[in-house]
Amino acid sequence: QVQLAESGGGLVQPGGSLRLSCVASGTIFNMYSMGWYRQAPGKQRELVASITRGGSINFGDSVKGRFTISRDNAKNTVYLQMNSLKPEDTAVYFCSYPGYWGQGTQVTVSS
């Protein structure tokens, strides 16, 4: 059984930054790719960023140049650093691991 626990969401003004964290337990963390997805009200869940066990990274088009993803295999943790946030980044952000999802953390960008 795999558990994913996200944290770091909240309310931030446009142009601000947040860092999300996801701690994985119950698995061999460094053997698999990890990712972040988001879902805004009335929209489909979309890829934000993913990172392979080797460190190769993929970003969704809407966040390129603003967000970064990293992982600390020793801590079983993946991070999402979000800079230059926009109101359209408002969504529930989910951590993903093959076959599993976290419970999600709300990010709201508003003045």
PDB file of N, CA and C in Angstrom:
ATOM      1  N   GLN A   1       0.847  -1.189   0.000  1.00  0.00           N
ATOM      2  CA  GLN A   1       0.000   0.000   0.000  1.00  0.00           C
ATOM      3  C   GLN A   1       0.889   1.247   0.000  1.00  0.00           C
ATOM      4  N   VAL A   2       0.488   2.237  -0.793  1.00  0.00           N
ATOM      5  CA  VAL A   2       1.247   3.472  -0.918  1.00  0.00           C
ATOM      6  C   VAL A   2       0.421   4.612  -0.354  1.00  0.00           C
ATOM      7  N   GLN A   3       1.050   5.464   0.410  1.00  0.00           N
ATOM      8  CA  GLN A   3       0.399   6.689   0.889  1.00  0.00           C
ATOM      9  C   GLN A   3       1.188   7.892   0.398  1.00  0.00           C
ATOM     10  N   LEU A   4       0.443   8.897  -0.061  1.00  0.00           N
ATOM     11  CA  LEU A   4       1.036  10.143  -0.528  1.00  0.00           C
ATOM     12  C   LEU A   4       0.421  11.282   0.272  1.00  0.00           C
ATOM     13  N   ALA A   5       1.254  12.077   0.905  1.00  0.00           N
ATOM     14  CA  ALA A   5       0.761  13.168   1.743  1.00  0.00           C
ATOM     15  C   ALA A   5       1.293  14.493   1.237  1.00  0.00           C
ATOM     16  N   GLU A   6       0.388  15.306   0.680  1.00  0.00           N
ATOM     17  CA  GLU A   6       0.781  16.627   0.180  1.00  0.00           C
ATOM     18  C   GLU A   6       0.650  17.687   1.260  1.00  0.00           C
ATOM     19  N   SER A   7       1.425  18.723   1.128  1.00  0.00           N
ATOM     20  CA  SER A   7       1.326  19.877   2.017  1.00  0.00           C
ATOM     21  C   SER A   7       1.869  21.097   1.290  1.00  0.00           C
ATOM     22  N   GLY A   8       1.571  22.273   1.836  1.00  0.00           N
ATOM     23  CA  GLY A   8       2.139  23.508   1.305  1.00  0.00           C
ATOM     24  C   GLY A   8       1.188  24.384   0.524  1.00  0.00           C
ATOM     25  N   GLY A   9      -0.031  23.935   0.328  1.00  0.00           N
ATOM     26  CA  GLY A   9      -0.980  24.765  -0.390  1.00  0.00           C
ATOM     27  C   GLY A   9      -1.447  25.938   0.450  1.00  0.00           C
ATOM     28  N   GLY A  10      -2.213  26.830  -0.177  1.00  0.00           N
ATOM     29  CA  GLY A  10      -2.733  27.977   0.549  1.00  0.00           C
ATOM     30  C   GLY A  10      -3.170  29.087  -0.382  1.00  0.00           C
ATOM     31  N   LEU A  11      -3.361  30.254   0.196  1.00  0.00           N
ATOM     32  CA  LEU A  11      -3.780  31.447  -0.535  1.00  0.00           C
ATOM     33  C   LEU A  11      -2.563  32.331  -0.752  1.00  0.00           C
ATOM     34  N   VAL A  12      -2.373  32.765  -1.990  1.00  0.00           N
ATOM     35  CA  VAL A  12      -1.232  33.621  -2.318  1.00  0.00           C
ATOM     36  C   VAL A  12      -1.684  34.659  -3.331  1.00  0.00           C
ATOM     37  N   GLN A  13      -1.057  35.810  -3.300  1.00  0.00           N
ATOM     38  CA  GLN A  13      -1.387  36.859  -4.255  1.00  0.00           C
ATOM     39  C   GLN A  13      -0.742  36.586  -5.609  1.00  0.00           C
ATOM     40  N   PRO A  14      -1.322  37.122  -6.666  1.00  0.00           N
ATOM     41  CA  PRO A  14      -0.692  36.971  -7.986  1.00  0.00           C
ATOM     42  C   PRO A  14       0.752  37.469  -7.953  1.00  0.00           C
ATOM     43  N   GLY A  15       1.621  36.703  -8.599  1.00  0.00           N
ATOM     44  CA  GLY A  15       3.042  37.008  -8.592  1.00  0.00           C
ATOM     45  C   GLY A  15       3.805  36.369  -7.461  1.00  0.00           C
ATOM     46  N   GLY A  16       3.103  35.790  -6.512  1.00  0.00           N
ATOM     47  CA  GLY A  16       3.735  35.164  -5.360  1.00  0.00           C
ATOM     48  C   GLY A  16       4.227  33.758  -5.648  1.00  0.00           C
ATOM     49  N   SER A  17       4.729  33.126  -4.584  1.00  0.00           N
ATOM     50  CA  SER A  17       5.306  31.788  -4.702  1.00  0.00           C
ATOM     51  C   SER A  17       4.770  30.870  -3.613  1.00  0.00           C
ATOM     52  N   LEU A  18       4.761  29.602  -3.910  1.00  0.00           N
ATOM     53  CA  LEU A  18       4.450  28.555  -2.940  1.00  0.00           C
ATOM     54  C   LEU A  18       5.321  27.347  -3.260  1.00  0.00           C
ATOM     55  N   ARG A  19       5.602  26.545  -2.239  1.00  0.00           N
ATOM     56  CA  ARG A  19       6.269  25.268  -2.469  1.00  0.00           C
ATOM     57  C   ARG A  19       5.423  24.153  -1.887  1.00  0.00           C
ATOM     58  N   LEU A  20       5.072  23.219  -2.749  1.00  0.00           N
ATOM     59  CA  LEU A  20       4.324  22.040  -2.327  1.00  0.00           C
ATOM     60  C   LEU A  20       5.291  20.892  -2.071  1.00  0.00           C
ATOM     61  N   SER A  21       4.931  20.078  -1.094  1.00  0.00           N
ATOM     62  CA  SER A  21       5.716  18.886  -0.779  1.00  0.00           C
ATOM     63  C   SER A  21       4.802  17.668  -0.801  1.00  0.00           C
ATOM     64  N   CYS A  22       5.372  16.542  -1.177  1.00  0.00           N
ATOM     65  CA  CYS A  22       4.642  15.279  -1.163  1.00  0.00           C
ATOM     66  C   CYS A  22       5.558  14.203  -0.603  1.00  0.00           C
ATOM     67  N   VAL A  23       5.155  13.635   0.515  1.00  0.00           N
ATOM     68  CA  VAL A  23       5.922  12.561   1.139  1.00  0.00           C
ATOM     69  C   VAL A  23       5.258  11.241   0.818  1.00  0.00           C
ATOM     70  N   ALA A  24       6.041  10.324   0.273  1.00  0.00           N
ATOM     71  CA  ALA A  24       5.537   8.995  -0.068  1.00  0.00           C
ATOM     72  C   ALA A  24       5.978   7.982   0.978  1.00  0.00           C
ATOM     73  N   SER A  25       5.077   7.078   1.312  1.00  0.00           N
ATOM     74  CA  SER A  25       5.410   6.019   2.248  1.00  0.00           C
ATOM     75  C   SER A  25       4.835   4.711   1.742  1.00  0.00           C
ATOM     76  N   GLY A  26       5.449   3.624   2.191  1.00  0.00           N
ATOM     77  CA  GLY A  26       4.941   2.310   1.830  1.00  0.00           C
ATOM     78  C   GLY A  26       5.423   1.815   0.487  1.00  0.00           C
ATOM     79  N   THR A  27       6.495   2.431  -0.071  1.00  0.00           N
ATOM     80  CA  THR A  27       6.967   2.031  -1.380  1.00  0.00           C
ATOM     81  C   THR A  27       8.460   2.288  -1.509  1.00  0.00           C
ATOM     82  N   ILE A  28       9.049   1.729  -2.569  1.00  0.00           N
ATOM     83  CA  ILE A  28      10.437   2.036  -2.885  1.00  0.00           C
ATOM     84  C   ILE A  28      10.415   3.302  -3.722  1.00  0.00           C
ATOM     85  N   PHE A  29      10.467   4.428  -3.070  1.00  0.00           N
ATOM     86  CA  PHE A  29      10.225   5.727  -3.680  1.00  0.00           C
ATOM     87  C   PHE A  29      11.105   6.005  -4.887  1.00  0.00           C
ATOM     88  N   ASN A  30      12.385   5.716  -4.761  1.00  0.00           N
ATOM     89  CA  ASN A  30      13.298   6.170  -5.806  1.00  0.00           C
ATOM     90  C   ASN A  30      13.286   5.279  -7.035  1.00  0.00           C
ATOM     91  N   MET A  31      12.388   4.311  -7.059  1.00  0.00           N
ATOM     92  CA  MET A  31      12.340   3.433  -8.213  1.00  0.00           C
ATOM     93  C   MET A  31      11.383   3.916  -9.293  1.00  0.00           C
ATOM     94  N   TYR A  32      10.594   4.917  -9.003  1.00  0.00           N
ATOM     95  CA  TYR A  32       9.548   5.299  -9.931  1.00  0.00           C
ATOM     96  C   TYR A  32       9.506   6.800 -10.172  1.00  0.00           C
ATOM     97  N   SER A  33       8.829   7.151 -11.260  1.00  0.00           N
ATOM     98  CA  SER A  33       8.562   8.553 -11.524  1.00  0.00           C
ATOM     99  C   SER A  33       7.497   9.064 -10.564  1.00  0.00           C
ATOM    100  N   MET A  34       7.600  10.343 -10.264  1.00  0.00           N
ATOM    101  CA  MET A  34       6.603  11.025  -9.452  1.00  0.00           C
ATOM    102  C   MET A  34       6.108  12.235 -10.225  1.00  0.00           C
ATOM    103  N   GLY A  35       4.921  12.697  -9.876  1.00  0.00           N
ATOM    104  CA  GLY A  35       4.397  13.837 -10.602  1.00  0.00           C
ATOM    105  C   GLY A  35       3.432  14.669  -9.793  1.00  0.00           C
ATOM    106  N   TRP A  36       3.167  15.833 -10.319  1.00  0.00           N
ATOM    107  CA  TRP A  36       2.138  16.721  -9.785  1.00  0.00           C
ATOM    108  C   TRP A  36       1.123  16.993 -10.890  1.00  0.00           C
ATOM    109  N   TYR A  37      -0.144  16.898 -10.521  1.00  0.00           N
ATOM    110  CA  TYR A  37      -1.248  17.230 -11.405  1.00  0.00           C
ATOM    111  C   TYR A  37      -2.112  18.248 -10.690  1.00  0.00           C
ATOM    112  N   ARG A  38      -2.976  18.906 -11.455  1.00  0.00           N
ATOM    113  CA  ARG A  38      -3.910  19.837 -10.828  1.00  0.00           C
ATOM    114  C   ARG A  38      -5.269  19.748 -11.515  1.00  0.00           C
ATOM    115  N   GLN A  39      -6.281  20.133 -10.754  1.00  0.00           N
ATOM    116  CA  GLN A  39      -7.637  20.132 -11.288  1.00  0.00           C
ATOM    117  C   GLN A  39      -8.373  21.350 -10.769  1.00  0.00           C
ATOM    118  N   ALA A  40      -8.787  22.192 -11.704  1.00  0.00           N
ATOM    119  CA  ALA A  40      -9.582  23.367 -11.375  1.00  0.00           C
ATOM    120  C   ALA A  40     -11.060  23.009 -11.509  1.00  0.00           C
ATOM    121  N   PRO A  41     -11.939  23.747 -10.841  1.00  0.00           N
ATOM    122  CA  PRO A  41     -13.376  23.458 -10.925  1.00  0.00           C
ATOM    123  C   PRO A  41     -13.862  23.438 -12.369  1.00  0.00           C
ATOM    124  N   GLY A  42     -14.565  22.382 -12.728  1.00  0.00           N
ATOM    125  CA  GLY A  42     -15.128  22.260 -14.058  1.00  0.00           C
ATOM    126  C   GLY A  42     -14.146  21.874 -15.144  1.00  0.00           C
ATOM    127  N   LYS A  43     -12.910  21.586 -14.761  1.00  0.00           N
ATOM    128  CA  LYS A  43     -11.887  21.231 -15.749  1.00  0.00           C
ATOM    129  C   LYS A  43     -11.324  19.840 -15.466  1.00  0.00           C
ATOM    130  N   GLN A  44     -10.685  19.285 -16.492  1.00  0.00           N
ATOM    131  CA  GLN A  44     -10.051  17.986 -16.329  1.00  0.00           C
ATOM    132  C   GLN A  44      -8.736  18.118 -15.563  1.00  0.00           C
ATOM    133  N   ARG A  45      -8.349  17.031 -14.940  1.00  0.00           N
ATOM    134  CA  ARG A  45      -7.053  17.000 -14.266  1.00  0.00           C
ATOM    135  C   ARG A  45      -5.961  17.067 -15.325  1.00  0.00           C
ATOM    136  N   GLU A  46      -4.943  17.884 -15.070  1.00  0.00           N
ATOM    137  CA  GLU A  46      -3.885  18.069 -16.046  1.00  0.00           C
ATOM    138  C   GLU A  46      -2.514  17.941 -15.394  1.00  0.00           C
ATOM    139  N   LEU A  47      -1.547  17.526 -16.204  1.00  0.00           N
ATOM    140  CA  LEU A  47      -0.177  17.411 -15.726  1.00  0.00           C
ATOM    141  C   LEU A  47       0.398  18.792 -15.446  1.00  0.00           C
ATOM    142  N   VAL A  48       1.038  18.915 -14.292  1.00  0.00           N
ATOM    143  CA  VAL A  48       1.800  20.109 -13.982  1.00  0.00           C
ATOM    144  C   VAL A  48       3.280  19.837 -14.248  1.00  0.00           C
ATOM    145  N   ALA A  49       3.796  18.772 -13.622  1.00  0.00           N
ATOM    146  CA  ALA A  49       5.204  18.425 -13.808  1.00  0.00           C
ATOM    147  C   ALA A  49       5.424  16.993 -13.352  1.00  0.00           C
ATOM    148  N   SER A  50       6.415  16.341 -13.945  1.00  0.00           N
ATOM    149  CA  SER A  50       6.789  15.004 -13.520  1.00  0.00           C
ATOM    150  C   SER A  50       8.303  14.887 -13.527  1.00  0.00           C
ATOM    151  N   ILE A  51       8.801  13.950 -12.729  1.00  0.00           N
ATOM    152  CA  ILE A  51      10.237  13.737 -12.632  1.00  0.00           C
ATOM    153  C   ILE A  51      10.505  12.246 -12.513  1.00  0.00           C
ATOM    154  N   THR A  52      11.416  11.751 -13.353  1.00  0.00           N
ATOM    155  CA  THR A  52      11.744  10.326 -13.328  1.00  0.00           C
ATOM    156  C   THR A  52      12.729  10.033 -12.209  1.00  0.00           C
ATOM    157  N   ARG A  53      13.002   8.759 -11.997  1.00  0.00           N
ATOM    158  CA  ARG A  53      13.955   8.396 -10.967  1.00  0.00           C
ATOM    159  C   ARG A  53      15.354   8.911 -11.308  1.00  0.00           C
ATOM    160  N   GLY A  54      15.614   9.124 -12.588  1.00  0.00           N
ATOM    161  CA  GLY A  54      16.907   9.632 -13.011  1.00  0.00           C
ATOM    162  C   GLY A  54      16.990  11.146 -13.043  1.00  0.00           C
ATOM    163  N   GLY A  55      15.851  11.804 -12.772  1.00  0.00           N
ATOM    164  CA  GLY A  55      15.858  13.254 -12.726  1.00  0.00           C
ATOM    165  C   GLY A  55      15.391  13.941 -13.994  1.00  0.00           C
ATOM    166  N   SER A  56      14.940  13.192 -14.981  1.00  0.00           N
ATOM    167  CA  SER A  56      14.381  13.821 -16.180  1.00  0.00           C
ATOM    168  C   SER A  56      13.030  14.427 -15.849  1.00  0.00           C
ATOM    169  N   ILE A  57      12.804  15.629 -16.367  1.00  0.00           N
ATOM    170  CA  ILE A  57      11.637  16.415 -15.974  1.00  0.00           C
ATOM    171  C   ILE A  57      10.779  16.762 -17.179  1.00  0.00           C
ATOM    172  N   ASN A  58       9.496  16.774 -16.946  1.00  0.00           N
ATOM    173  CA  ASN A  58       8.537  17.172 -17.959  1.00  0.00           C
ATOM    174  C   ASN A  58       7.549  18.154 -17.324  1.00  0.00           C
ATOM    175  N   PHE A  59       7.217  19.234 -18.037  1.00  0.00           N
ATOM    176  CA  PHE A  59       6.285  20.237 -17.531  1.00  0.00           C
ATOM    177  C   PHE A  59       5.086  20.380 -18.449  1.00  0.00           C
ATOM    178  N   GLY A  60       3.961  20.721 -17.838  1.00  0.00           N
ATOM    179  CA  GLY A  60       2.827  21.157 -18.615  1.00  0.00           C
ATOM    180  C   GLY A  60       3.130  22.509 -19.236  1.00  0.00           C
ATOM    181  N   ASP A  61       2.570  22.772 -20.416  1.00  0.00           N
ATOM    182  CA  ASP A  61       2.904  23.990 -21.155  1.00  0.00           C
ATOM    183  C   ASP A  61       2.596  25.258 -20.363  1.00  0.00           C
ATOM    184  N   SER A  62       1.549  25.238 -19.563  1.00  0.00           N
ATOM    185  CA  SER A  62       1.115  26.454 -18.895  1.00  0.00           C
ATOM    186  C   SER A  62       2.012  26.864 -17.732  1.00  0.00           C
ATOM    187  N   VAL A  63       2.912  25.994 -17.297  1.00  0.00           N
ATOM    188  CA  VAL A  63       3.751  26.323 -16.143  1.00  0.00           C
ATOM    189  C   VAL A  63       5.232  26.394 -16.482  1.00  0.00           C
ATOM    190  N   LYS A  64       5.583  26.127 -17.717  1.00  0.00           N
ATOM    191  CA  LYS A  64       7.000  26.161 -18.099  1.00  0.00           C
ATOM    192  C   LYS A  64       7.606  27.530 -17.825  1.00  0.00           C
ATOM    193  N   GLY A  65       8.783  27.508 -17.225  1.00  0.00           N
ATOM    194  CA  GLY A  65       9.476  28.748 -16.900  1.00  0.00           C
ATOM    195  C   GLY A  65       9.079  29.354 -15.568  1.00  0.00           C
ATOM    196  N   ARG A  66       8.021  28.833 -14.946  1.00  0.00           N
ATOM    197  CA  ARG A  66       7.559  29.382 -13.665  1.00  0.00           C
ATOM    198  C   ARG A  66       7.655  28.354 -12.530  1.00  0.00           C
ATOM    199  N   PHE A  67       7.458  27.109 -12.833  1.00  0.00           N
ATOM    200  CA  PHE A  67       7.459  26.056 -11.817  1.00  0.00           C
ATOM    201  C   PHE A  67       8.690  25.177 -11.986  1.00  0.00           C
ATOM    202  N   THR A  68       9.151  24.628 -10.879  1.00  0.00           N
ATOM    203  CA  THR A  68      10.203  23.618 -10.923  1.00  0.00           C
ATOM    204  C   THR A  68       9.804  22.432 -10.048  1.00  0.00           C
ATOM    205  N   ILE A  69      10.303  21.263 -10.392  1.00  0.00           N
ATOM    206  CA  ILE A  69      10.030  20.047  -9.633  1.00  0.00           C
ATOM    207  C   ILE A  69      11.361  19.424  -9.248  1.00  0.00           C
ATOM    208  N   SER A  70      11.407  18.870  -8.053  1.00  0.00           N
ATOM    209  CA  SER A  70      12.619  18.208  -7.594  1.00  0.00           C
ATOM    210  C   SER A  70      12.220  17.075  -6.660  1.00  0.00           C
ATOM    211  N   ARG A  71      13.183  16.194  -6.376  1.00  0.00           N
ATOM    212  CA  ARG A  71      12.898  15.081  -5.490  1.00  0.00           C
ATOM    213  C   ARG A  71      14.098  14.827  -4.594  1.00  0.00           C
ATOM    214  N   ASP A  72      13.802  14.364  -3.396  1.00  0.00           N
ATOM    215  CA  ASP A  72      14.826  13.964  -2.439  1.00  0.00           C
ATOM    216  C   ASP A  72      14.537  12.512  -2.093  1.00  0.00           C
ATOM    217  N   ASN A  73      15.276  11.612  -2.728  1.00  0.00           N
ATOM    218  CA  ASN A  73      15.007  10.191  -2.535  1.00  0.00           C
ATOM    219  C   ASN A  73      15.269   9.752  -1.090  1.00  0.00           C
ATOM    220  N   ALA A  74      16.192  10.402  -0.421  1.00  0.00           N
ATOM    221  CA  ALA A  74      16.488  10.036   0.966  1.00  0.00           C
ATOM    222  C   ALA A  74      15.313  10.341   1.893  1.00  0.00           C
ATOM    223  N   LYS A  75      14.519  11.336   1.513  1.00  0.00           N
ATOM    224  CA  LYS A  75      13.358  11.731   2.322  1.00  0.00           C
ATOM    225  C   LYS A  75      12.042  11.255   1.729  1.00  0.00           C
ATOM    226  N   ASN A  76      12.111  10.496   0.628  1.00  0.00           N
ATOM    227  CA  ASN A  76      10.890  10.029  -0.046  1.00  0.00           C
ATOM    228  C   ASN A  76       9.951  11.187  -0.357  1.00  0.00           C
ATOM    229  N   THR A  77      10.501  12.288  -0.804  1.00  0.00           N
ATOM    230  CA  THR A  77       9.728  13.506  -0.983  1.00  0.00           C
ATOM    231  C   THR A  77       9.951  14.100  -2.370  1.00  0.00           C
ATOM    232  N   VAL A  78       8.870  14.598  -2.956  1.00  0.00           N
ATOM    233  CA  VAL A  78       8.940  15.342  -4.194  1.00  0.00           C
ATOM    234  C   VAL A  78       8.381  16.737  -3.924  1.00  0.00           C
ATOM    235  N   TYR A  79       9.001  17.731  -4.529  1.00  0.00           N
ATOM    236  CA  TYR A  79       8.634  19.120  -4.305  1.00  0.00           C
ATOM    237  C   TYR A  79       8.175  19.769  -5.605  1.00  0.00           C
ATOM    238  N   LEU A  80       7.293  20.745  -5.458  1.00  0.00           N
ATOM    239  CA  LEU A  80       6.891  21.575  -6.579  1.00  0.00           C
ATOM    240  C   LEU A  80       7.043  23.032  -6.142  1.00  0.00           C
ATOM    241  N   GLN A  81       8.019  23.719  -6.723  1.00  0.00           N
ATOM    242  CA  GLN A  81       8.217  25.132  -6.451  1.00  0.00           C
ATOM    243  C   GLN A  81       7.466  25.927  -7.500  1.00  0.00           C
ATOM    244  N   MET A  82       6.547  26.744  -7.041  1.00  0.00           N
ATOM    245  CA  MET A  82       5.689  27.507  -7.946  1.00  0.00           C
ATOM    246  C   MET A  82       5.978  28.992  -7.761  1.00  0.00           C
ATOM    247  N   ASN A  83       6.460  29.612  -8.819  1.00  0.00           N
ATOM    248  CA  ASN A  83       6.778  31.035  -8.803  1.00  0.00           C
ATOM    249  C   ASN A  83       5.894  31.779  -9.804  1.00  0.00           C
ATOM    250  N   SER A  84       5.848  33.088  -9.647  1.00  0.00           N
ATOM    251  CA  SER A  84       5.065  33.942 -10.563  1.00  0.00           C
ATOM    252  C   SER A  84       3.649  33.399 -10.737  1.00  0.00           C
ATOM    253  N   LEU A  85       3.026  33.089  -9.636  1.00  0.00           N
ATOM    254  CA  LEU A  85       1.695  32.469  -9.689  1.00  0.00           C
ATOM    255  C   LEU A  85       0.663  33.406 -10.274  1.00  0.00           C
ATOM    256  N   LYS A  86      -0.275  32.805 -11.005  1.00  0.00           N
ATOM    257  CA  LYS A  86      -1.344  33.533 -11.669  1.00  0.00           C
ATOM    258  C   LYS A  86      -2.687  33.032 -11.151  1.00  0.00           C
ATOM    259  N   PRO A  87      -3.729  33.833 -11.269  1.00  0.00           N
ATOM    260  CA  PRO A  87      -5.059  33.354 -10.837  1.00  0.00           C
ATOM    261  C   PRO A  87      -5.458  32.045 -11.517  1.00  0.00           C
ATOM    262  N   GLU A  88      -5.042  31.854 -12.752  1.00  0.00           N
ATOM    263  CA  GLU A  88      -5.398  30.617 -13.465  1.00  0.00           C
ATOM    264  C   GLU A  88      -4.657  29.394 -12.943  1.00  0.00           C
ATOM    265  N   ASP A  89      -3.709  29.586 -12.027  1.00  0.00           N
ATOM    266  CA  ASP A  89      -3.067  28.450 -11.379  1.00  0.00           C
ATOM    267  C   ASP A  89      -3.905  27.916 -10.213  1.00  0.00           C
ATOM    268  N   THR A  90      -4.982  28.594  -9.894  1.00  0.00           N
ATOM    269  CA  THR A  90      -5.853  28.152  -8.812  1.00  0.00           C
ATOM    270  C   THR A  90      -6.447  26.777  -9.135  1.00  0.00           C
ATOM    271  N   ALA A  91      -6.230  25.829  -8.235  1.00  0.00           N
ATOM    272  CA  ALA A  91      -6.682  24.454  -8.450  1.00  0.00           C
ATOM    273  C   ALA A  91      -6.348  23.630  -7.216  1.00  0.00           C
ATOM    274  N   VAL A  92      -6.855  22.408  -7.211  1.00  0.00           N
ATOM    275  CA  VAL A  92      -6.380  21.413  -6.253  1.00  0.00           C
ATOM    276  C   VAL A  92      -5.207  20.689  -6.904  1.00  0.00           C
ATOM    277  N   TYR A  93      -4.118  20.622  -6.196  1.00  0.00           N
ATOM    278  CA  TYR A  93      -2.895  20.007  -6.703  1.00  0.00           C
ATOM    279  C   TYR A  93      -2.730  18.629  -6.070  1.00  0.00           C
ATOM    280  N   PHE A  94      -2.485  17.641  -6.936  1.00  0.00           N
ATOM    281  CA  PHE A  94      -2.388  16.259  -6.502  1.00  0.00           C
ATOM    282  C   PHE A  94      -0.993  15.716  -6.790  1.00  0.00           C
ATOM    283  N   CYS A  95      -0.467  15.003  -5.832  1.00  0.00           N
ATOM    284  CA  CYS A  95       0.766  14.258  -6.035  1.00  0.00           C
ATOM    285  C   CYS A  95       0.401  12.902  -6.634  1.00  0.00           C
ATOM    286  N   SER A  96       1.245  12.429  -7.543  1.00  0.00           N
ATOM    287  CA  SER A  96       0.948  11.141  -8.176  1.00  0.00           C
ATOM    288  C   SER A  96       2.142  10.204  -8.123  1.00  0.00           C
ATOM    289  N   TYR A  97       1.822   8.939  -8.031  1.00  0.00           N
ATOM    290  CA  TYR A  97       2.775   7.839  -8.035  1.00  0.00           C
ATOM    291  C   TYR A  97       2.074   6.739  -8.818  1.00  0.00           C
ATOM    292  N   PRO A  98       2.770   5.934  -9.593  1.00  0.00           N
ATOM    293  CA  PRO A  98       2.062   4.962 -10.437  1.00  0.00           C
ATOM    294  C   PRO A  98       0.969   4.191  -9.702  1.00  0.00           C
ATOM    295  N   GLY A  99      -0.263   4.451 -10.093  1.00  0.00           N
ATOM    296  CA  GLY A  99      -1.404   3.766  -9.517  1.00  0.00           C
ATOM    297  C   GLY A  99      -1.999   4.426  -8.300  1.00  0.00           C
ATOM    298  N   TYR A 100      -1.414   5.543  -7.851  1.00  0.00           N
ATOM    299  CA  TYR A 100      -1.879   6.178  -6.626  1.00  0.00           C
ATOM    300  C   TYR A 100      -1.943   7.696  -6.777  1.00  0.00           C
ATOM    301  N   TRP A 101      -2.834   8.293  -5.964  1.00  0.00           N
ATOM    302  CA  TRP A 101      -2.973   9.742  -5.883  1.00  0.00           C
ATOM    303  C   TRP A 101      -2.955  10.159  -4.419  1.00  0.00           C
ATOM    304  N   GLY A 102      -2.445  11.363  -4.171  1.00  0.00           N
ATOM    305  CA  GLY A 102      -2.611  11.949  -2.865  1.00  0.00           C
ATOM    306  C   GLY A 102      -4.009  12.525  -2.717  1.00  0.00           C
ATOM    307  N   GLN A 103      -4.290  13.088  -1.551  1.00  0.00           N
ATOM    308  CA  GLN A 103      -5.622  13.622  -1.287  1.00  0.00           C
ATOM    309  C   GLN A 103      -5.813  15.013  -1.875  1.00  0.00           C
ATOM    310  N   GLY A 104      -4.731  15.655  -2.256  1.00  0.00           N
ATOM    311  CA  GLY A 104      -4.806  16.967  -2.876  1.00  0.00           C
ATOM    312  C   GLY A 104      -4.623  18.089  -1.879  1.00  0.00           C
ATOM    313  N   THR A 105      -4.074  19.197  -2.371  1.00  0.00           N
ATOM    314  CA  THR A 105      -3.915  20.396  -1.560  1.00  0.00           C
ATOM    315  C   THR A 105      -4.358  21.597  -2.393  1.00  0.00           C
ATOM    316  N   GLN A 106      -5.156  22.456  -1.780  1.00  0.00           N
ATOM    317  CA  GLN A 106      -5.743  23.587  -2.498  1.00  0.00           C
ATOM    318  C   GLN A 106      -4.723  24.710  -2.632  1.00  0.00           C
ATOM    319  N   VAL A 107      -4.605  25.224  -3.843  1.00  0.00           N
ATOM    320  CA  VAL A 107      -3.815  26.425  -4.113  1.00  0.00           C
ATOM    321  C   VAL A 107      -4.761  27.464  -4.703  1.00  0.00           C
ATOM    322  N   THR A 108      -4.818  28.626  -4.057  1.00  0.00           N
ATOM    323  CA  THR A 108      -5.675  29.705  -4.519  1.00  0.00           C
ATOM    324  C   THR A 108      -4.817  30.942  -4.740  1.00  0.00           C
ATOM    325  N   VAL A 109      -4.880  31.473  -5.946  1.00  0.00           N
ATOM    326  CA  VAL A 109      -4.121  32.673  -6.295  1.00  0.00           C
ATOM    327  C   VAL A 109      -5.117  33.796  -6.516  1.00  0.00           C
ATOM    328  N   SER A 110      -5.098  34.738  -5.607  1.00  0.00           N
ATOM    329  CA  SER A 110      -6.096  35.809  -5.660  1.00  0.00           C
ATOM    330  C   SER A 110      -5.593  37.010  -4.886  1.00  0.00           C
ATOM    331  N   SER A 111      -6.006  38.194  -5.341  1.00  0.00           N
ATOM    332  CA  SER A 111      -5.662  39.407  -4.612  1.00  0.00           C
ATOM    333  C   SER A 111      -6.786  39.780  -3.655  1.00  0.00           C
TER     334      SER A 111
END
